[in-house]
C-alpha atoms as a PDB file:
ATOM      1  CA  MET A   1      67.992 141.148  99.305  1.00  0.00           C
ATOM      2  CA  SER A   2      71.156 141.811 100.778  1.00  0.00           C
ATOM      3  CA  PHE A   3      72.706 145.583 100.301  1.00  0.00           C
ATOM      4  CA  ASP A   4      76.378 145.986 101.417  1.00  0.00           C
ATOM      5  CA  ILE A   5      79.268 148.275 100.469  1.00  0.00           C
ATOM      6  CA  SER A   6      81.726 146.128  99.491  1.00  0.00           C
ATOM      7  CA  GLY A   7      85.075 147.349  99.328  1.00  0.00           C
ATOM      8  CA  GLY A   8      84.757 150.515 101.087  1.00  0.00           C
ATOM      9  CA  PRO A   9      83.592 154.281 100.384  1.00  0.00           C
ATOM     10  CA  MET A  10      86.030 153.658  97.231  1.00  0.00           C
ATOM     11  CA  GLU A  11      83.502 151.145  95.817  1.00  0.00           C
ATOM     12  CA  LYS A  12      80.146 152.259  94.364  1.00  0.00           C
ATOM     13  CA  PRO A  13      77.534 150.072  97.029  1.00  0.00           C
ATOM     14  CA  TYR A  14      76.414 147.093  95.791  1.00  0.00           C
ATOM     15  CA  VAL A  15      72.991 148.135  94.224  1.00  0.00           C
ATOM     16  CA  LYS A  16      72.195 144.992  91.850  1.00  0.00           C
ATOM     17  CA  GLY A  17      69.860 144.208  94.682  1.00  0.00           C
ATOM     18  CA  ALA A  18      69.096 147.250  96.347  1.00  0.00           C
ATOM     19  CA  LEU A  19      67.789 148.352  92.800  1.00  0.00           C
ATOM     20  CA  LYS A  20      64.646 146.697  93.120  1.00  0.00           C
ATOM     21  CA  LEU A  21      63.646 148.571  96.011  1.00  0.00           C
ATOM     22  CA  ILE A  22      65.234 151.762  94.551  1.00  0.00           C
ATOM     23  CA  ILE A  23      63.493 151.261  91.453  1.00  0.00           C
ATOM     24  CA  LEU A  24      60.090 150.036  92.974  1.00  0.00           C
ATOM     25  CA  GLU A  25      59.704 153.256  95.207  1.00  0.00           C
ATOM     26  CA  LEU A  26      60.442 155.787  91.991  1.00  0.00           C
ATOM     27  CA  LEU A  27      57.718 153.831  90.600  1.00  0.00           C
ATOM     28  CA  LYS A  28      55.089 155.168  92.757  1.00  0.00           C
ATOM     29  CA  ASN A  29      54.907 157.778  89.943  1.00  0.00           C
ATOM     30  CA  PRO A  30      54.804 156.244  86.778  1.00  0.00           C
ATOM     31  CA  ASN A  31      58.034 156.821  84.567  1.00  0.00           C
ATOM     32  CA  HIS A  32      59.663 154.612  81.949  1.00  0.00           C
ATOM     33  CA  GLY A  33      63.352 153.099  81.741  1.00  0.00           C
ATOM     34  CA  TYR A  34      65.862 156.313  80.668  1.00  0.00           C
ATOM     35  CA  GLY A  35      63.455 158.137  83.376  1.00  0.00           C
ATOM     36  CA  ILE A  36      64.318 155.768  85.979  1.00  0.00           C
ATOM     37  CA  MET A  37      68.477 156.040  85.011  1.00  0.00           C
ATOM     38  CA  ALA A  38      68.134 159.712  85.056  1.00  0.00           C
ATOM     39  CA  GLU A  39      66.197 159.742  89.135  1.00  0.00           C
ATOM     40  CA  VAL A  40      68.641 157.422  90.115  1.00  0.00           C
ATOM     41  CA  GLU A  41      71.534 159.652  88.854  1.00  0.00           C
ATOM     42  CA  ARG A  42      70.006 162.882  90.140  1.00  0.00           C
ATOM     43  CA  LEU A  43      69.049 161.398  93.693  1.00  0.00           C
ATOM     44  CA  TYR A  44      72.170 159.318  93.852  1.00  0.00           C
ATOM     45  CA  GLY A  45      74.317 160.382  91.990  1.00  0.00           C
ATOM     46  CA  ILE A  46      75.027 156.513  90.380  1.00  0.00           C
ATOM     47  CA  LYS A  47      74.373 156.371  86.590  1.00  0.00           C
ATOM     48  CA  LEU A  48      72.985 153.474  85.429  1.00  0.00           C
ATOM     49  CA  SER A  49      72.840 151.578  82.461  1.00  0.00           C
ATOM     50  CA  ALA A  50      69.722 150.361  80.287  1.00  0.00           C
ATOM     51  CA  GLY A  51      71.241 147.077  80.492  1.00  0.00           C
ATOM     52  CA  THR A  52      70.549 147.035  84.286  1.00  0.00           C
ATOM     53  CA  VAL A  53      67.677 149.370  84.534  1.00  0.00           C
ATOM     54  CA  TYR A  54      64.972 146.893  82.131  1.00  0.00           C
ATOM     55  CA  PRO A  55      65.789 143.365  82.954  1.00  0.00           C
ATOM     56  CA  ILE A  56      64.901 144.577  86.866  1.00  0.00           C
ATOM     57  CA  LEU A  57      61.706 146.135  85.721  1.00  0.00           C
ATOM     58  CA  SER A  58      60.852 142.807  83.631  1.00  0.00           C
ATOM     59  CA  SER A  59      61.590 141.256  87.082  1.00  0.00           C
ATOM     60  CA  LEU A  60      59.167 143.389  88.852  1.00  0.00           C
ATOM     61  CA  LYS A  61      56.830 143.131  86.180  1.00  0.00           C
ATOM     62  CA  ARG A  62      56.706 138.380  86.251  1.00  0.00           C
ATOM     63  CA  SER A  63      56.839 139.216  90.034  1.00  0.00           C
ATOM     64  CA  GLY A  64      53.393 141.569  89.500  1.00  0.00           C
ATOM     65  CA  LEU A  65      55.556 144.060  91.541  1.00  0.00           C
ATOM     66  CA  ILE A  66      54.353 146.370  88.849  1.00  0.00           C
ATOM     67  CA  LYS A  67      52.821 146.934  85.515  1.00  0.00           C
ATOM     68  CA  VAL A  68      53.021 149.237  82.757  1.00  0.00           C
ATOM     69  CA  VAL A  69      50.516 151.629  82.831  1.00  0.00           C
ATOM     70  CA  GLU A  70      51.110 153.127  78.897  1.00  0.00           C
ATOM     71  CA  THR A  71      52.978 152.499  75.778  1.00  0.00           C
ATOM     72  CA  GLY A  72      54.246 155.063  73.568  1.00  0.00           C
ATOM     73  CA  ASP A  73      56.640 156.292  70.883  1.00  0.00           C
ATOM     74  CA  ARG A  74      59.218 153.327  69.871  1.00  0.00           C
ATOM     75  CA  ASP A  75      57.372 150.718  72.378  1.00  0.00           C
ATOM     76  CA  ARG A  76      58.469 153.435  75.496  1.00  0.00           C
ATOM     77  CA  LYS A  77      56.819 151.579  78.228  1.00  0.00           C
ATOM     78  CA  THR A  78      55.766 153.436  81.472  1.00  0.00           C
ATOM     79  CA  TYR A  79      55.593 151.584  84.143  1.00  0.00           C
ATOM     80  CA  GLN A  80      53.571 152.268  87.911  1.00  0.00           C
ATOM     81  CA  ILE A  81      53.656 150.220  91.230  1.00  0.00           C
ATOM     82  CA  THR A  82      51.223 147.894  91.862  1.00  0.00           C
ATOM     83  CA  GLU A  83      48.999 147.175  95.481  1.00  0.00           C
ATOM     84  CA  ARG A  84      51.265 144.112  95.869  1.00  0.00           C
ATOM     85  CA  GLY A  85      54.286 146.350  95.402  1.00  0.00           C
ATOM     86  CA  ILE A  86      53.270 149.416  97.371  1.00  0.00           C
ATOM     87  CA  GLU A  87      52.619 145.894 100.336  1.00  0.00           C
ATOM     88  CA  TYR A  88      56.229 144.410  99.360  1.00  0.00           C
ATOM     89  CA  LEU A  89      57.840 148.133  99.897  1.00  0.00           C
ATOM     90  CA  ASN A  90      55.828 148.732 103.144  1.00  0.00           C
ATOM     91  CA  LYS A  91      57.203 145.070 104.072  1.00  0.00           C
ATOM     92  CA  ASN A  92      60.739 145.684 103.376  1.00  0.00           C
ATOM     93  CA  GLU A  93      60.583 149.374 104.454  1.00  0.00           C
ATOM     94  CA  LYS A  94      63.502 149.501 107.069  1.00  0.00           C
ATOM     95  CA  GLU A  95      65.947 147.938 104.318  1.00  0.00           C
ATOM     96  CA  LEU A  96      64.796 150.518 101.650  1.00  0.00           C
ATOM     97  CA  ASN A  97      65.706 153.332 104.387  1.00  0.00           C
ATOM     98  CA  ASP A  98      69.067 151.671 105.114  1.00  0.00           C
ATOM     99  CA  ILE A  99      69.881 151.372 100.760  1.00  0.00           C
ATOM    100  CA  LYS A 100      68.872 155.432 100.451  1.00  0.00           C
ATOM    101  CA  ARG A 101      71.067 155.914 103.741  1.00  0.00           C
ATOM    102  CA  LYS A 102      73.862 154.788 102.330  1.00  0.00           C
ATOM    103  CA  LEU A 103      73.357 155.494  98.499  1.00  0.00           C
ATOM    104  CA  LEU A 104      73.067 159.288  99.365  1.00  0.00           C
ATOM    105  CA  ALA A 105      76.606 158.690 101.716  1.00  0.00           C
ATOM    106  CA  TYR A 106      77.784 157.243  98.579  1.00  0.00           C
ATOM    107  CA  LYS A 107      76.585 160.782  96.247  1.00  0.00           C
ATOM    108  CA  ALA A 108      78.097 163.107  99.288  1.00  0.00           C
ATOM    109  CA  PHE A 109      81.435 160.937  99.321  1.00  0.00           C
ATOM    110  CA  LEU A 110      81.680 161.877  95.158  1.00  0.00           C
ATOM    111  CA  GLU A 111      80.313 165.417  95.761  1.00  0.00           C
ATOM    112  CA  LEU A 112      83.886 166.036  98.285  1.00  0.00           C
ATOM    113  CA  GLY A 113      85.598 164.666  95.859  1.00  0.00           C
ATOM    114  CA  GLY A 114      85.205 161.118  95.440  1.00  0.00           C
ATOM    115  CA  GLU A 115      85.031 160.704  92.234  1.00  0.00           C
ATOM    116  CA  GLU A 116      88.492 161.972  91.482  1.00  0.00           C
ATOM    117  CA  LEU A 117      89.941 160.005  94.245  1.00  0.00           C
ATOM    118  CA  LYS A 118      88.206 157.137  92.636  1.00  0.00           C
ATOM    119  CA  GLU A 119      89.894 158.117  88.889  1.00  0.00           C
ATOM    120  CA  ALA A 120      93.275 158.713  90.789  1.00  0.00           C
ATOM    121  CA  PHE A 121      92.974 155.397  92.478  1.00  0.00           C
ATOM    122  CA  LYS A 122      91.837 153.920  88.924  1.00  0.00           C
ATOM    123  CA  GLN A 123      95.038 155.455  87.885  1.00  0.00           C
ATOM    124  CA  LEU A 124      97.568 154.131  90.600  1.00  0.00           C
ATOM    125  CA  PHE A 125      96.091 150.457  90.578  1.00  0.00           C
ATOM    126  CA  LYS A 126      97.598 150.419  86.388  1.00  0.00           C
ATOM    127  CA  SER A 127     100.462 151.808  87.365  1.00  0.00           C
ATOM    128  CA  ILE A 128     101.533 150.303  90.636  1.00  0.00           C
ATOM    129  CA  ASP A 129     103.477 147.348  89.299  1.00  0.00           C
ATOM    130  CA  ASN A 130     106.191 150.393  87.542  1.00  0.00           C
ATOM    131  CA  LEU A 131     106.238 152.880  90.518  1.00  0.00           C
ATOM    132  CA  ASN A 132     109.982 153.512  91.200  1.00  0.00           C
ATOM    133  CA  GLU A 133     110.461 153.471  95.189  1.00  0.00           C
ATOM    134  CA  ALA A 134     110.372 157.495  95.662  1.00  0.00           C
ATOM    135  CA  GLN A 135     107.400 157.464  94.565  1.00  0.00           C
ATOM    136  CA  ARG A 136     105.898 154.475  96.579  1.00  0.00           C
ATOM    137  CA  GLU A 137     107.325 156.443  99.736  1.00  0.00           C
ATOM    138  CA  GLU A 138     105.807 159.475  98.719  1.00  0.00           C
ATOM    139  CA  LEU A 139     102.047 157.267  97.970  1.00  0.00           C
ATOM    140  CA  GLU A 140     102.747 155.738 101.587  1.00  0.00           C
ATOM    141  CA  SER A 141     103.043 159.020 103.494  1.00  0.00           C
ATOM    142  CA  THR A 142     100.363 160.948 101.811  1.00  0.00           C
ATOM    143  CA  PHE A 143      98.122 157.965 102.271  1.00  0.00           C
ATOM    144  CA  ARG A 144      98.843 157.774 106.025  1.00  0.00           C
ATOM    145  CA  GLU A 145      98.629 161.803 106.299  1.00  0.00           C
ATOM    146  CA  CYS A 146      95.125 161.835 104.425  1.00  0.00           C
ATOM    147  CA  ALA A 147      93.727 159.100 107.076  1.00  0.00           C
ATOM    148  CA  ARG A 148      95.113 161.230 109.762  1.00  0.00           C
ATOM    149  CA  LYS A 149      93.272 164.334 108.664  1.00  0.00           C
ATOM    150  CA  ILE A 150      90.006 162.243 107.882  1.00  0.00           C
ATOM    151  CA  LYS A 151      90.321 160.912 111.302  1.00  0.00           C
ATOM    152  CA  LEU A 152      90.998 164.325 112.774  1.00  0.00           C
ATOM    153  CA  LEU A 153      88.385 165.982 110.914  1.00  0.00           C
ATOM    154  CA  LEU A 154      85.316 163.254 111.849  1.00  0.00           C
ATOM    155  CA  LEU A 155      86.336 163.761 115.535  1.00  0.00           C
ATOM    156  CA  GLY A 156      85.898 167.411 115.507  1.00  0.00           C
ATOM    157  CA  GLU A 157      89.354 168.475 116.012  1.00  0.00           C
ATOM    158  CA  ARG A 158      92.108 170.691 113.198  1.00  0.00           C
ATOM    159  CA  ALA A 159      93.881 168.050 110.956  1.00  0.00           C
END
């Protein structure tokens, strides 16, 4: 299982493979699919779809890493980690901690205005072919100044 922040901080961390470990850890406390989605969003700022979570739950169940502990209204299943799942988590503790560190960094990025920045870049990518020369020059200047300020802030200097 690999974890990578592809494309740098402007993109959501690659979480599909990493989610198996995250979900496994969350299931130390019994939960259902929608509860897991809410918990991942609360902890890491990432909104997951049912189409992402339920196939992972099925895979974890087939592997014997989780089990269904209750079936409620409308066939809502509550899952919990198994002993085998706990052993797997312990064996992959270093990778899990690395994943969580990266996801928390991504959440912090979003909270610092990264969400607005992502939206602005999406708009830019959609209209980049229609920019005039003055807009291109202004964007280039803005990006270079922003990068300079970020580097200075990280070095502890005033921008």
